[in-house]
């Protein structure tokens, strides 16, 4: 199994963020970019359900659970 950090998803989002920065649409480390990935697309990656860190969001996000 592969690490998700080496996935096509991370590569593509990195390209989008870099393009945004080079066009002056965003500061280098700012802004918000989201990518919704279907669970089936994660099957080839190791430990995608392992929780490494928990952060209090300050609001109830349970409606997004499992997405």
Protein backbone atom coordinates (compact mmCIF):
# COMPACT_ATOMS: atom_id res chain seq x y z
CA UNK A 1 0.00 0.00 0.00
CA UNK A 2 1.14 3.52 -0.76
CA UNK A 3 1.26 6.54 1.50
CA UNK A 4 -1.45 9.08 0.72
CA UNK A 5 1.09 11.92 0.77
CA UNK A 6 2.52 10.40 -2.44
CA UNK A 7 -0.89 10.07 -4.14
CA UNK A 8 -2.12 11.63 -7.36
CA UNK A 9 -4.53 13.69 -5.24
CA UNK A 10 -1.75 15.40 -3.28
CA UNK A 11 0.25 15.94 -6.49
CA UNK A 12 -2.74 17.56 -8.25
CA UNK A 13 -3.73 19.82 -5.35
CA UNK A 14 -0.07 20.87 -4.99
CA UNK A 15 -0.05 21.90 -8.66
CA UNK A 16 -3.27 23.89 -8.20
CA UNK A 17 -1.91 25.70 -5.13
CA UNK A 18 1.39 26.47 -6.89
CA UNK A 19 -0.44 27.82 -9.96
CA UNK A 20 -2.63 30.02 -7.73
CA UNK A 21 0.48 31.41 -6.05
CA UNK A 22 2.42 32.04 -9.28
CA UNK A 23 -0.54 33.89 -10.77
CA UNK A 24 -0.81 36.10 -7.68
CA UNK A 25 -4.21 34.71 -6.76
CA UNK A 26 -3.09 33.67 -3.28
CA UNK A 27 -0.25 34.17 -0.84
CA UNK A 28 2.13 31.22 -0.62
CA UNK A 29 0.80 29.63 2.59
CA UNK A 30 -2.65 31.17 2.78
CA UNK A 31 -6.10 30.58 1.55
CA UNK A 32 -8.23 27.50 1.65
CA UNK A 33 -8.27 24.65 -0.83
CA UNK A 34 -10.46 21.59 -0.35
CA UNK A 35 -10.62 18.35 -2.27
CA UNK A 36 -13.44 15.92 -1.62
CA UNK A 37 -12.34 12.36 -2.27
CA UNK A 38 -14.63 9.34 -2.50
CA UNK A 39 -13.86 6.49 -0.12
CA UNK A 40 -13.29 4.10 -3.02
CA UNK A 41 -10.44 6.33 -4.21
CA UNK A 42 -8.69 5.82 -0.87
CA UNK A 43 -8.63 2.02 -0.98
CA UNK A 44 -5.06 1.85 -2.31
CA UNK A 45 -3.58 3.93 0.50
CA UNK A 46 -2.38 2.74 3.89
CA UNK A 47 -3.96 3.87 7.16
CA UNK A 48 -6.24 6.56 5.76
CA UNK A 49 -8.61 6.07 8.70
CA UNK A 50 -5.85 6.30 11.33
CA UNK A 51 -6.27 9.47 13.40
CA UNK A 52 -2.88 11.15 13.89
CA UNK A 53 -4.13 14.33 15.53
CA UNK A 54 -7.45 15.72 16.76
CA UNK A 55 -8.16 19.46 16.63
CA UNK A 56 -11.17 21.15 18.23
CA UNK A 57 -12.95 23.00 15.41
CA UNK A 58 -15.16 25.01 17.71
CA UNK A 59 -18.32 23.83 15.92
CA UNK A 60 -20.21 20.60 15.26
CA UNK A 61 -18.97 19.01 12.04
CA UNK A 62 -20.65 15.62 12.48
CA UNK A 63 -22.67 16.09 9.29
CA UNK A 64 -19.38 15.75 7.37
CA UNK A 65 -18.40 12.50 9.11
CA UNK A 66 -17.38 9.83 6.66
CA UNK A 67 -16.89 12.23 3.77
